[in-house]
N, C-alpha and C. Protein backbone atom coordinates (compact mmCIF):
# COMPACT_ATOMS: atom_id res chain seq x y z
N MET A 1 29.96 81.82 63.75
CA MET A 1 28.74 82.58 63.51
C MET A 1 27.68 81.70 62.82
N LYS A 2 28.13 80.92 61.81
CA LYS A 2 27.22 80.03 61.10
C LYS A 2 26.61 79.02 62.04
N ARG A 3 27.43 78.51 62.98
CA ARG A 3 26.94 77.52 63.94
C ARG A 3 25.88 78.15 64.84
N ILE A 4 26.08 79.41 65.25
CA ILE A 4 25.12 80.09 66.12
C ILE A 4 23.79 80.28 65.41
N LEU A 5 23.87 80.73 64.12
CA LEU A 5 22.65 80.92 63.34
C LEU A 5 21.90 79.62 63.16
N THR A 6 22.66 78.54 62.94
CA THR A 6 22.03 77.23 62.78
C THR A 6 21.31 76.82 64.06
N THR A 7 21.97 77.05 65.20
CA THR A 7 21.37 76.71 66.50
C THR A 7 20.11 77.51 66.75
N VAL A 8 20.17 78.82 66.44
CA VAL A 8 18.99 79.68 66.62
C VAL A 8 17.84 79.21 65.75
N LEU A 9 18.15 78.85 64.51
CA LEU A 9 17.12 78.37 63.58
C LEU A 9 16.48 77.08 64.08
N VAL A 10 17.32 76.18 64.58
CA VAL A 10 16.80 74.91 65.11
C VAL A 10 15.89 75.16 66.30
N VAL A 11 16.33 76.04 67.21
CA VAL A 11 15.54 76.34 68.40
C VAL A 11 14.21 77.00 68.01
N PHE A 12 14.28 77.93 67.05
CA PHE A 12 13.06 78.61 66.59
C PHE A 12 12.08 77.62 65.97
N THR A 13 12.61 76.74 65.12
CA THR A 13 11.76 75.75 64.45
C THR A 13 11.13 74.81 65.46
N LEU A 14 11.93 74.37 66.43
CA LEU A 14 11.42 73.48 67.47
C LEU A 14 10.32 74.16 68.27
N GLY A 15 10.56 75.42 68.61
CA GLY A 15 9.56 76.17 69.36
C GLY A 15 8.27 76.33 68.58
N LEU A 16 8.39 76.57 67.28
CA LEU A 16 7.20 76.72 66.44
C LEU A 16 6.42 75.42 66.37
N VAL A 17 7.12 74.31 66.24
CA VAL A 17 6.46 73.00 66.19
C VAL A 17 5.73 72.72 67.49
N ILE A 18 6.37 73.03 68.61
CA ILE A 18 5.75 72.80 69.93
C ILE A 18 4.50 73.67 70.08
N THR A 19 4.59 74.93 69.65
CA THR A 19 3.46 75.83 69.75
C THR A 19 2.29 75.35 68.90
N LEU A 20 2.58 74.96 67.67
CA LEU A 20 1.52 74.46 66.79
C LEU A 20 0.90 73.20 67.35
N TYR A 21 1.70 72.35 67.94
CA TYR A 21 1.19 71.11 68.54
C TYR A 21 0.28 71.40 69.72
N ALA A 22 0.71 72.38 70.53
CA ALA A 22 -0.07 72.72 71.72
C ALA A 22 -1.43 73.28 71.36
N PHE A 23 -1.51 74.00 70.23
CA PHE A 23 -2.75 74.65 69.86
C PHE A 23 -3.46 73.94 68.70
N ARG A 24 -3.07 72.71 68.44
CA ARG A 24 -3.71 71.97 67.35
C ARG A 24 -5.16 71.69 67.71
N ASP A 25 -5.97 71.54 66.72
CA ASP A 25 -7.39 71.26 66.92
C ASP A 25 -7.61 69.76 66.83
N ASP A 26 -7.91 69.15 67.99
CA ASP A 26 -8.13 67.71 68.04
C ASP A 26 -9.58 67.34 67.72
N THR A 27 -10.43 68.34 67.51
CA THR A 27 -11.83 68.06 67.25
C THR A 27 -12.00 67.38 65.90
N PRO A 28 -12.58 66.18 65.89
CA PRO A 28 -12.76 65.50 64.61
C PRO A 28 -13.78 66.22 63.75
N ALA A 29 -13.73 65.99 62.46
CA ALA A 29 -14.70 66.60 61.56
C ALA A 29 -16.10 66.13 61.93
N LEU A 30 -17.01 67.07 62.02
CA LEU A 30 -18.39 66.73 62.37
C LEU A 30 -19.13 66.24 61.13
N ARG A 31 -20.25 65.55 61.40
CA ARG A 31 -21.03 64.99 60.31
C ARG A 31 -22.49 65.33 60.50
N SER A 32 -23.20 65.51 59.40
CA SER A 32 -24.65 65.69 59.50
C SER A 32 -25.25 64.48 60.20
N GLY A 33 -26.14 64.76 61.13
CA GLY A 33 -26.75 63.68 61.91
C GLY A 33 -26.15 63.52 63.29
N ASP A 34 -24.95 64.07 63.53
CA ASP A 34 -24.40 64.08 64.88
C ASP A 34 -25.36 64.83 65.79
N VAL A 35 -25.42 64.42 67.05
CA VAL A 35 -26.31 65.08 68.01
C VAL A 35 -25.46 65.79 69.05
N ILE A 36 -25.78 67.06 69.30
CA ILE A 36 -25.00 67.88 70.21
C ILE A 36 -25.85 68.26 71.42
N PHE A 37 -25.23 68.20 72.60
CA PHE A 37 -25.93 68.44 73.87
C PHE A 37 -25.23 69.57 74.63
N GLN A 38 -26.00 70.33 75.41
CA GLN A 38 -25.42 71.37 76.24
C GLN A 38 -26.27 71.60 77.48
N THR A 39 -25.75 72.42 78.38
CA THR A 39 -26.47 72.83 79.59
C THR A 39 -26.92 74.26 79.43
N SER A 40 -28.22 74.48 79.47
CA SER A 40 -28.77 75.83 79.42
C SER A 40 -29.24 76.23 80.82
N MET A 41 -29.41 77.54 81.04
CA MET A 41 -29.57 78.00 82.42
C MET A 41 -30.91 78.67 82.72
N SER A 42 -31.88 78.60 81.82
CA SER A 42 -33.19 79.19 82.10
C SER A 42 -33.89 78.38 83.20
N PRO A 43 -34.90 78.96 83.86
CA PRO A 43 -35.66 78.21 84.88
C PRO A 43 -36.22 76.90 84.34
N GLN A 44 -36.74 76.91 83.10
CA GLN A 44 -37.27 75.67 82.54
C GLN A 44 -36.16 74.65 82.37
N CYS A 45 -35.00 75.10 81.85
CA CYS A 45 -33.89 74.17 81.63
C CYS A 45 -33.39 73.59 82.95
N HIS A 46 -33.39 74.42 83.99
CA HIS A 46 -33.01 73.92 85.31
C HIS A 46 -33.98 72.84 85.77
N ALA A 47 -35.27 73.07 85.54
CA ALA A 47 -36.28 72.09 85.92
C ALA A 47 -36.13 70.81 85.12
N VAL A 48 -35.82 70.94 83.84
CA VAL A 48 -35.62 69.76 82.99
C VAL A 48 -34.46 68.93 83.51
N ARG A 49 -33.37 69.59 83.89
CA ARG A 49 -32.21 68.85 84.39
C ARG A 49 -32.55 68.12 85.68
N LEU A 50 -33.32 68.76 86.55
CA LEU A 50 -33.71 68.12 87.80
C LEU A 50 -34.65 66.94 87.55
N ALA A 51 -35.63 67.15 86.70
CA ALA A 51 -36.63 66.11 86.44
C ALA A 51 -36.02 64.89 85.76
N THR A 52 -35.04 65.13 84.88
CA THR A 52 -34.43 64.02 84.14
C THR A 52 -33.11 63.57 84.75
N ARG A 53 -32.73 64.21 85.85
CA ARG A 53 -31.49 63.88 86.56
C ARG A 53 -30.30 63.89 85.60
N SER A 54 -30.16 65.00 84.92
CA SER A 54 -29.17 65.12 83.86
C SER A 54 -28.50 66.48 83.91
N LYS A 55 -27.29 66.56 83.39
CA LYS A 55 -26.65 67.87 83.23
C LYS A 55 -27.07 68.53 81.92
N PHE A 56 -27.73 67.77 81.04
CA PHE A 56 -28.13 68.30 79.75
C PHE A 56 -29.59 68.77 79.77
N SER A 57 -29.81 69.92 79.17
CA SER A 57 -31.17 70.45 79.09
C SER A 57 -31.55 70.83 77.66
N HIS A 58 -30.61 70.73 76.74
CA HIS A 58 -30.90 71.11 75.35
C HIS A 58 -30.04 70.26 74.42
N CYS A 59 -30.60 69.96 73.26
CA CYS A 59 -29.84 69.22 72.25
C CYS A 59 -30.31 69.63 70.87
N GLY A 60 -29.51 69.32 69.89
CA GLY A 60 -29.84 69.64 68.51
C GLY A 60 -29.09 68.69 67.59
N MET A 61 -29.29 68.85 66.31
CA MET A 61 -28.66 67.98 65.32
C MET A 61 -27.70 68.77 64.44
N ILE A 62 -26.49 68.27 64.33
CA ILE A 62 -25.50 68.90 63.45
C ILE A 62 -25.96 68.78 62.00
N TRP A 63 -25.87 69.90 61.28
CA TRP A 63 -26.16 69.86 59.86
C TRP A 63 -25.10 70.66 59.12
N LYS A 64 -24.47 70.03 58.15
CA LYS A 64 -23.40 70.67 57.40
C LYS A 64 -23.94 71.30 56.12
N LYS A 65 -23.46 72.50 55.86
CA LYS A 65 -23.77 73.18 54.60
C LYS A 65 -22.44 73.57 54.00
N GLY A 66 -21.99 72.81 53.01
CA GLY A 66 -20.65 73.02 52.48
C GLY A 66 -19.63 72.67 53.54
N ASP A 67 -18.73 73.59 53.84
CA ASP A 67 -17.72 73.33 54.87
C ASP A 67 -18.08 73.98 56.20
N LYS A 68 -19.32 74.43 56.35
CA LYS A 68 -19.75 75.09 57.58
C LYS A 68 -20.68 74.18 58.38
N ASP A 69 -20.58 74.28 59.71
CA ASP A 69 -21.38 73.45 60.61
C ASP A 69 -22.50 74.28 61.24
N TYR A 70 -23.69 73.70 61.23
CA TYR A 70 -24.87 74.34 61.82
C TYR A 70 -25.54 73.35 62.76
N VAL A 71 -26.49 73.88 63.54
CA VAL A 71 -27.29 73.03 64.43
C VAL A 71 -28.76 73.26 64.14
N LEU A 72 -29.47 72.20 63.80
CA LEU A 72 -30.92 72.25 63.69
C LEU A 72 -31.46 72.08 65.10
N GLU A 73 -32.20 73.07 65.58
CA GLU A 73 -32.65 73.03 66.97
C GLU A 73 -34.08 73.53 67.09
N ALA A 74 -34.76 73.02 68.12
CA ALA A 74 -36.11 73.48 68.43
C ALA A 74 -36.01 74.48 69.57
N VAL A 75 -36.04 75.75 69.21
CA VAL A 75 -36.16 76.82 70.19
C VAL A 75 -37.43 77.57 69.79
N GLN A 76 -37.42 78.87 69.83
CA GLN A 76 -38.59 79.62 69.38
C GLN A 76 -38.20 80.52 68.23
N PRO A 77 -38.41 80.10 67.00
CA PRO A 77 -39.02 78.83 66.58
C PRO A 77 -37.93 77.81 66.26
N VAL A 78 -38.34 76.66 65.68
CA VAL A 78 -37.37 75.69 65.17
C VAL A 78 -36.55 76.38 64.08
N LYS A 79 -35.23 76.27 64.17
CA LYS A 79 -34.38 76.98 63.21
C LYS A 79 -33.03 76.30 63.08
N ILE A 80 -32.24 76.80 62.14
CA ILE A 80 -30.87 76.34 61.94
C ILE A 80 -29.93 77.44 62.44
N THR A 81 -29.05 77.08 63.37
CA THR A 81 -28.17 78.03 64.03
C THR A 81 -26.71 77.70 63.74
N PRO A 82 -25.88 78.69 63.40
CA PRO A 82 -24.44 78.41 63.25
C PRO A 82 -23.88 77.76 64.50
N LEU A 83 -23.02 76.76 64.32
CA LEU A 83 -22.52 75.98 65.45
C LEU A 83 -21.89 76.85 66.53
N ASP A 84 -21.02 77.78 66.15
CA ASP A 84 -20.35 78.62 67.14
C ASP A 84 -21.36 79.41 67.98
N GLU A 85 -22.39 79.90 67.32
CA GLU A 85 -23.43 80.65 68.04
C GLU A 85 -24.17 79.72 69.00
N TRP A 86 -24.48 78.51 68.53
CA TRP A 86 -25.18 77.55 69.38
C TRP A 86 -24.37 77.22 70.63
N ILE A 87 -23.09 76.98 70.44
CA ILE A 87 -22.21 76.65 71.56
C ILE A 87 -22.17 77.79 72.57
N SER A 88 -22.17 79.03 72.09
CA SER A 88 -22.06 80.19 72.98
C SER A 88 -23.27 80.33 73.91
N HIS A 89 -24.37 79.68 73.60
CA HIS A 89 -25.57 79.77 74.42
C HIS A 89 -25.53 78.84 75.62
N GLY A 90 -24.61 77.89 75.64
CA GLY A 90 -24.54 76.92 76.73
C GLY A 90 -23.69 77.41 77.89
N GLU A 91 -23.93 76.85 79.06
CA GLU A 91 -23.15 77.21 80.25
C GLU A 91 -21.68 76.90 80.01
N GLY A 92 -20.83 77.92 80.13
CA GLY A 92 -19.40 77.72 79.96
C GLY A 92 -19.00 77.28 78.57
N LYS A 93 -19.89 77.40 77.60
CA LYS A 93 -19.65 76.97 76.22
C LYS A 93 -19.28 75.49 76.15
N LYS A 94 -19.76 74.72 77.13
CA LYS A 94 -19.49 73.28 77.14
C LYS A 94 -20.53 72.54 76.32
N TYR A 95 -20.10 71.43 75.72
CA TYR A 95 -21.01 70.64 74.91
C TYR A 95 -20.44 69.24 74.72
N VAL A 96 -21.31 68.34 74.30
CA VAL A 96 -20.94 66.97 73.95
C VAL A 96 -21.57 66.65 72.61
N ILE A 97 -20.82 65.97 71.76
CA ILE A 97 -21.36 65.53 70.47
C ILE A 97 -21.29 64.01 70.40
N ARG A 98 -22.43 63.41 70.10
CA ARG A 98 -22.54 61.96 69.97
C ARG A 98 -22.88 61.60 68.52
N ARG A 99 -22.35 60.47 68.07
CA ARG A 99 -22.52 60.04 66.68
C ARG A 99 -23.01 58.60 66.63
N LEU A 100 -23.87 58.32 65.68
CA LEU A 100 -24.33 56.96 65.46
C LEU A 100 -23.12 56.05 65.22
N LYS A 101 -23.08 54.93 65.93
CA LYS A 101 -21.91 54.05 65.83
C LYS A 101 -21.68 53.56 64.41
N ASN A 102 -22.74 53.22 63.73
CA ASN A 102 -22.62 52.71 62.36
C ASN A 102 -23.05 53.76 61.35
N ALA A 103 -22.66 55.00 61.59
CA ALA A 103 -23.08 56.12 60.74
C ALA A 103 -22.67 55.92 59.28
N ASP A 104 -21.49 55.32 59.07
CA ASP A 104 -21.01 55.14 57.70
C ASP A 104 -21.97 54.33 56.86
N SER A 105 -22.55 53.29 57.46
CA SER A 105 -23.43 52.40 56.70
C SER A 105 -24.89 52.82 56.76
N VAL A 106 -25.30 53.51 57.83
CA VAL A 106 -26.71 53.87 58.00
C VAL A 106 -27.03 55.24 57.41
N LEU A 107 -26.20 56.21 57.69
CA LEU A 107 -26.48 57.57 57.24
C LEU A 107 -25.93 57.78 55.83
N THR A 108 -26.51 57.08 54.90
CA THR A 108 -26.14 57.19 53.49
C THR A 108 -26.65 58.53 52.95
N PRO A 109 -26.18 58.94 51.78
CA PRO A 109 -26.70 60.17 51.19
C PRO A 109 -28.22 60.18 51.06
N VAL A 110 -28.80 59.03 50.73
CA VAL A 110 -30.26 58.95 50.60
C VAL A 110 -30.93 59.21 51.94
N VAL A 111 -30.42 58.58 53.00
CA VAL A 111 -31.00 58.76 54.33
C VAL A 111 -30.79 60.20 54.81
N LEU A 112 -29.61 60.75 54.58
CA LEU A 112 -29.35 62.14 54.99
C LEU A 112 -30.28 63.10 54.27
N ASP A 113 -30.59 62.83 53.01
CA ASP A 113 -31.55 63.66 52.28
C ASP A 113 -32.93 63.58 52.93
N LYS A 114 -33.31 62.38 53.36
CA LYS A 114 -34.60 62.20 54.03
C LYS A 114 -34.61 62.94 55.37
N MET A 115 -33.49 62.88 56.10
CA MET A 115 -33.40 63.58 57.38
C MET A 115 -33.50 65.09 57.18
N GLU A 116 -32.85 65.57 56.14
CA GLU A 116 -32.92 67.01 55.85
C GLU A 116 -34.35 67.41 55.51
N ALA A 117 -35.02 66.57 54.73
CA ALA A 117 -36.41 66.86 54.36
C ALA A 117 -37.32 66.89 55.59
N GLU A 118 -37.11 65.93 56.51
CA GLU A 118 -37.90 65.91 57.74
C GLU A 118 -37.62 67.15 58.57
N GLY A 119 -36.35 67.55 58.64
CA GLY A 119 -36.00 68.75 59.39
C GLY A 119 -36.64 69.99 58.81
N LYS A 120 -36.68 70.09 57.49
CA LYS A 120 -37.27 71.26 56.83
C LYS A 120 -38.77 71.36 57.12
N LYS A 121 -39.42 70.20 57.31
CA LYS A 121 -40.85 70.22 57.65
C LYS A 121 -41.09 70.90 59.00
N MET A 122 -40.08 70.82 59.87
CA MET A 122 -40.22 71.34 61.22
C MET A 122 -39.82 72.82 61.34
N LEU A 123 -39.06 73.32 60.38
CA LEU A 123 -38.58 74.70 60.46
C LEU A 123 -39.73 75.68 60.61
N GLY A 124 -39.56 76.62 61.54
CA GLY A 124 -40.57 77.64 61.76
C GLY A 124 -41.64 77.26 62.75
N LYS A 125 -41.72 75.98 63.14
CA LYS A 125 -42.72 75.58 64.13
C LYS A 125 -42.38 76.18 65.49
N SER A 126 -43.38 76.46 66.26
CA SER A 126 -43.18 77.02 67.59
C SER A 126 -42.60 76.00 68.55
N TYR A 127 -41.88 76.48 69.53
CA TYR A 127 -41.34 75.60 70.57
C TYR A 127 -42.48 75.11 71.44
N ASP A 128 -42.42 73.84 71.82
CA ASP A 128 -43.47 73.23 72.61
C ASP A 128 -43.09 73.19 74.09
N GLY A 129 -43.56 74.18 74.84
CA GLY A 129 -43.27 74.23 76.27
C GLY A 129 -44.13 73.30 77.10
N PHE A 130 -45.08 72.63 76.45
CA PHE A 130 -45.94 71.68 77.16
C PHE A 130 -45.53 70.23 76.91
N PHE A 131 -44.54 70.04 76.04
CA PHE A 131 -43.96 68.72 75.78
C PHE A 131 -45.01 67.70 75.33
N GLU A 132 -45.81 68.12 74.36
CA GLU A 132 -46.81 67.22 73.79
C GLU A 132 -46.18 66.44 72.64
N TRP A 133 -46.75 65.27 72.33
CA TRP A 133 -46.15 64.38 71.32
C TRP A 133 -46.78 64.58 69.95
N SER A 134 -47.33 65.72 69.69
CA SER A 134 -47.85 66.01 68.36
C SER A 134 -46.80 66.82 67.60
N ASP A 135 -47.05 67.04 66.30
CA ASP A 135 -46.13 67.85 65.50
C ASP A 135 -46.56 69.31 65.43
N ASP A 136 -47.61 69.67 66.16
CA ASP A 136 -48.09 71.05 66.10
C ASP A 136 -47.01 72.01 66.59
N GLN A 137 -46.36 71.63 67.67
CA GLN A 137 -45.23 72.36 68.22
C GLN A 137 -44.17 71.31 68.58
N ILE A 138 -42.92 71.74 68.65
CA ILE A 138 -41.82 70.78 68.80
C ILE A 138 -40.83 71.26 69.86
N TYR A 139 -40.35 70.31 70.69
CA TYR A 139 -39.25 70.65 71.60
C TYR A 139 -37.98 69.93 71.15
N CYS A 140 -36.87 70.26 71.77
CA CYS A 140 -35.55 69.93 71.20
C CYS A 140 -35.31 68.43 70.98
N SER A 141 -35.47 67.63 72.01
CA SER A 141 -35.17 66.21 71.89
C SER A 141 -36.23 65.50 71.04
N GLU A 142 -37.45 66.02 71.05
CA GLU A 142 -38.51 65.47 70.19
C GLU A 142 -38.12 65.63 68.72
N LEU A 143 -37.55 66.79 68.37
CA LEU A 143 -37.13 67.06 67.00
C LEU A 143 -36.10 66.03 66.54
N VAL A 144 -35.08 65.81 67.37
CA VAL A 144 -34.02 64.87 67.01
C VAL A 144 -34.57 63.45 66.89
N TRP A 145 -35.37 63.04 67.87
CA TRP A 145 -35.90 61.67 67.88
C TRP A 145 -36.76 61.40 66.66
N LYS A 146 -37.65 62.33 66.33
CA LYS A 146 -38.58 62.11 65.23
C LYS A 146 -37.87 62.10 63.87
N ILE A 147 -36.85 62.93 63.71
CA ILE A 147 -36.11 62.92 62.45
C ILE A 147 -35.42 61.58 62.25
N TYR A 148 -34.77 61.07 63.28
CA TYR A 148 -34.11 59.77 63.17
C TYR A 148 -35.12 58.65 62.91
N LYS A 149 -36.23 58.70 63.61
CA LYS A 149 -37.23 57.64 63.45
C LYS A 149 -37.85 57.65 62.06
N ARG A 150 -38.21 58.82 61.58
CA ARG A 150 -38.94 58.91 60.33
C ARG A 150 -38.05 58.78 59.10
N ALA A 151 -36.81 59.24 59.21
CA ALA A 151 -35.93 59.21 58.05
C ALA A 151 -35.03 57.98 58.01
N ALA A 152 -34.63 57.49 59.18
CA ALA A 152 -33.69 56.37 59.23
C ALA A 152 -34.30 55.12 59.86
N GLY A 153 -35.51 55.24 60.41
CA GLY A 153 -36.14 54.08 61.04
C GLY A 153 -35.47 53.67 62.34
N ILE A 154 -34.82 54.63 63.02
CA ILE A 154 -34.06 54.33 64.23
C ILE A 154 -34.64 55.10 65.41
N GLU A 155 -34.79 54.42 66.56
CA GLU A 155 -35.25 55.07 67.78
C GLU A 155 -34.04 55.38 68.64
N VAL A 156 -33.64 56.65 68.63
CA VAL A 156 -32.43 57.06 69.35
C VAL A 156 -32.79 57.54 70.75
N GLY A 157 -33.06 56.61 71.62
CA GLY A 157 -33.44 56.94 72.99
C GLY A 157 -34.77 56.30 73.34
N ARG A 158 -34.95 56.04 74.61
CA ARG A 158 -36.16 55.35 75.10
C ARG A 158 -37.25 56.37 75.40
N LEU A 159 -38.41 56.17 74.77
CA LEU A 159 -39.55 57.02 75.07
C LEU A 159 -40.03 56.76 76.49
N GLN A 160 -40.49 57.83 77.14
CA GLN A 160 -40.98 57.71 78.51
C GLN A 160 -42.31 58.44 78.64
N LYS A 161 -42.87 58.41 79.84
CA LYS A 161 -44.04 59.19 80.19
C LYS A 161 -43.61 60.28 81.17
N ILE A 162 -44.37 61.36 81.22
CA ILE A 162 -44.03 62.44 82.15
C ILE A 162 -43.94 61.91 83.57
N LYS A 163 -44.78 60.97 83.92
CA LYS A 163 -44.79 60.43 85.28
C LYS A 163 -43.52 59.66 85.62
N ASP A 164 -42.72 59.30 84.61
CA ASP A 164 -41.48 58.57 84.86
C ASP A 164 -40.37 59.46 85.42
N PHE A 165 -40.53 60.78 85.28
CA PHE A 165 -39.49 61.70 85.72
C PHE A 165 -39.62 62.04 87.19
N ASP A 166 -38.57 62.65 87.73
CA ASP A 166 -38.57 63.09 89.12
C ASP A 166 -39.27 64.45 89.18
N LEU A 167 -40.49 64.47 89.67
CA LEU A 167 -41.30 65.68 89.68
C LEU A 167 -41.39 66.29 91.08
N THR A 168 -40.50 65.90 91.98
CA THR A 168 -40.65 66.26 93.39
C THR A 168 -40.01 67.58 93.79
N SER A 169 -39.03 68.06 93.04
CA SER A 169 -38.31 69.26 93.45
C SER A 169 -39.16 70.51 93.27
N LYS A 170 -38.86 71.55 94.05
CA LYS A 170 -39.64 72.79 93.99
C LYS A 170 -39.58 73.46 92.63
N PRO A 171 -38.39 73.56 91.99
CA PRO A 171 -38.36 74.19 90.66
C PRO A 171 -39.22 73.46 89.64
N VAL A 172 -39.23 72.13 89.71
CA VAL A 172 -40.04 71.34 88.78
C VAL A 172 -41.53 71.57 89.07
N GLN A 173 -41.91 71.55 90.34
CA GLN A 173 -43.30 71.75 90.70
C GLN A 173 -43.80 73.14 90.33
N GLN A 174 -42.91 74.12 90.41
CA GLN A 174 -43.29 75.47 90.03
C GLN A 174 -43.61 75.56 88.54
N ILE A 175 -42.73 74.94 87.71
CA ILE A 175 -42.97 74.92 86.27
C ILE A 175 -44.27 74.19 85.96
N ILE A 176 -44.52 73.09 86.66
CA ILE A 176 -45.75 72.33 86.45
C ILE A 176 -46.97 73.19 86.75
N ARG A 177 -46.95 73.92 87.86
CA ARG A 177 -48.09 74.78 88.23
C ARG A 177 -48.31 75.87 87.18
N GLU A 178 -47.20 76.45 86.71
CA GLU A 178 -47.31 77.54 85.73
C GLU A 178 -47.85 77.04 84.39
N ARG A 179 -47.45 75.86 83.99
CA ARG A 179 -47.82 75.36 82.66
C ARG A 179 -49.15 74.59 82.66
N TYR A 180 -49.34 73.78 83.69
CA TYR A 180 -50.46 72.83 83.65
C TYR A 180 -51.52 73.06 84.72
N GLY A 181 -51.21 73.84 85.73
CA GLY A 181 -52.15 73.96 86.84
C GLY A 181 -52.28 72.61 87.53
N ASP A 182 -53.51 72.15 87.64
CA ASP A 182 -53.77 70.84 88.27
C ASP A 182 -54.00 69.74 87.23
N ASN A 183 -53.64 70.01 85.99
CA ASN A 183 -53.94 69.05 84.92
C ASN A 183 -52.69 68.55 84.23
N LEU A 184 -51.72 68.10 84.99
CA LEU A 184 -50.49 67.56 84.42
C LEU A 184 -50.80 66.25 83.69
N PRO A 185 -50.48 66.17 82.39
CA PRO A 185 -50.76 64.94 81.62
C PRO A 185 -49.67 63.89 81.88
N VAL A 186 -49.79 63.18 82.97
CA VAL A 186 -48.72 62.30 83.44
C VAL A 186 -48.44 61.16 82.46
N ASN A 187 -49.39 60.85 81.59
CA ASN A 187 -49.20 59.74 80.64
C ASN A 187 -48.78 60.22 79.25
N GLU A 188 -48.44 61.49 79.13
CA GLU A 188 -47.97 62.02 77.84
C GLU A 188 -46.63 61.38 77.48
N THR A 189 -46.48 60.94 76.24
CA THR A 189 -45.22 60.39 75.75
C THR A 189 -44.21 61.51 75.59
N VAL A 190 -42.99 61.27 76.09
CA VAL A 190 -41.95 62.29 76.01
C VAL A 190 -40.60 61.61 75.73
N ILE A 191 -39.67 62.43 75.23
CA ILE A 191 -38.29 61.99 75.05
C ILE A 191 -37.39 63.10 75.59
N SER A 192 -36.45 62.75 76.44
CA SER A 192 -35.59 63.76 77.06
C SER A 192 -34.21 63.79 76.39
N PRO A 193 -33.49 64.90 76.49
CA PRO A 193 -32.11 64.93 76.00
C PRO A 193 -31.26 63.82 76.62
N GLN A 194 -31.48 63.56 77.91
CA GLN A 194 -30.68 62.55 78.59
C GLN A 194 -30.93 61.16 78.01
N SER A 195 -32.17 60.87 77.65
CA SER A 195 -32.48 59.56 77.08
C SER A 195 -31.76 59.37 75.75
N ILE A 196 -31.74 60.42 74.93
CA ILE A 196 -31.01 60.34 73.66
C ILE A 196 -29.51 60.21 73.92
N TYR A 197 -29.01 60.97 74.88
CA TYR A 197 -27.59 60.92 75.21
C TYR A 197 -27.18 59.51 75.64
N GLU A 198 -28.04 58.86 76.39
CA GLU A 198 -27.72 57.53 76.93
C GLU A 198 -27.89 56.41 75.91
N SER A 199 -28.42 56.70 74.74
CA SER A 199 -28.68 55.66 73.75
C SER A 199 -27.40 54.89 73.42
N SER A 200 -27.49 53.58 73.46
CA SER A 200 -26.35 52.72 73.15
C SER A 200 -26.01 52.74 71.67
N LEU A 201 -26.84 53.39 70.86
CA LEU A 201 -26.58 53.48 69.42
C LEU A 201 -25.53 54.53 69.10
N PHE A 202 -25.21 55.37 70.10
CA PHE A 202 -24.30 56.48 69.87
C PHE A 202 -22.96 56.27 70.55
N VAL A 203 -21.96 56.99 70.05
CA VAL A 203 -20.64 57.05 70.67
C VAL A 203 -20.24 58.52 70.73
N THR A 204 -19.55 58.90 71.80
CA THR A 204 -19.11 60.29 71.95
C THR A 204 -17.91 60.57 71.06
N VAL A 205 -17.99 61.63 70.27
CA VAL A 205 -16.86 62.02 69.41
C VAL A 205 -16.20 63.29 69.89
N VAL A 206 -16.94 64.12 70.64
CA VAL A 206 -16.38 65.35 71.20
C VAL A 206 -17.03 65.59 72.56
N THR A 207 -16.24 65.95 73.57
CA THR A 207 -16.79 66.40 74.84
C THR A 207 -15.96 67.54 75.38
N LYS A 208 -16.65 68.59 75.80
CA LYS A 208 -16.00 69.73 76.40
C LYS A 208 -16.36 69.83 77.88
N TYR A 209 -16.87 68.75 78.44
CA TYR A 209 -17.23 68.71 79.86
C TYR A 209 -16.11 68.14 80.72
N GLY A 210 -15.05 67.67 80.08
CA GLY A 210 -13.97 67.06 80.83
C GLY A 210 -14.26 65.59 81.08
N LYS A 211 -13.23 64.87 81.45
CA LYS A 211 -13.37 63.44 81.70
C LYS A 211 -13.81 63.18 83.11
N LYS A 212 -14.62 62.12 83.27
CA LYS A 212 -15.06 61.71 84.60
C LYS A 212 -14.61 60.28 84.88
């Protein structure tokens, strides 16, 4: 009888270990300054993905408050959103998080304080659906790029002009007609989520899009 009980206990313990292993959380701890990307499904976001030839249409910056994770994002208006809520807004709840390669040495407490201060300046600003390079209104990738540039002196992604994008598809042309009419500012400076994603300064720490 003792041998049977011992065997049952061993089997139970082994099963528990396997279950815990199967459901373990492999997601590394996030850090303030990490950049998170997702696919949104609005007509504008669809046009952005086509114009930038990207699966990403929205991005934001991870910001930690105590042991909780939030996302600083430029929507309407610029705000801080709980991470779980932010993820739920993306197609299939998929997302990618990229981190500065030398974050340990660059994102010091002093720099993070400066980044937070820059972010607070943007809170409450209206979303910029015209993608202008002023601070009057702000769009998502512009918010991330300007915070890194102004607080850390780093350009996370290559600035482009509107004319550099693929403007030929019907969804993109429709958005252009609705927003600009015949006055598209082709030389306006812009930064896209894809350009930030492609920055060689970053490394992927989490991806929920699967491996390719």
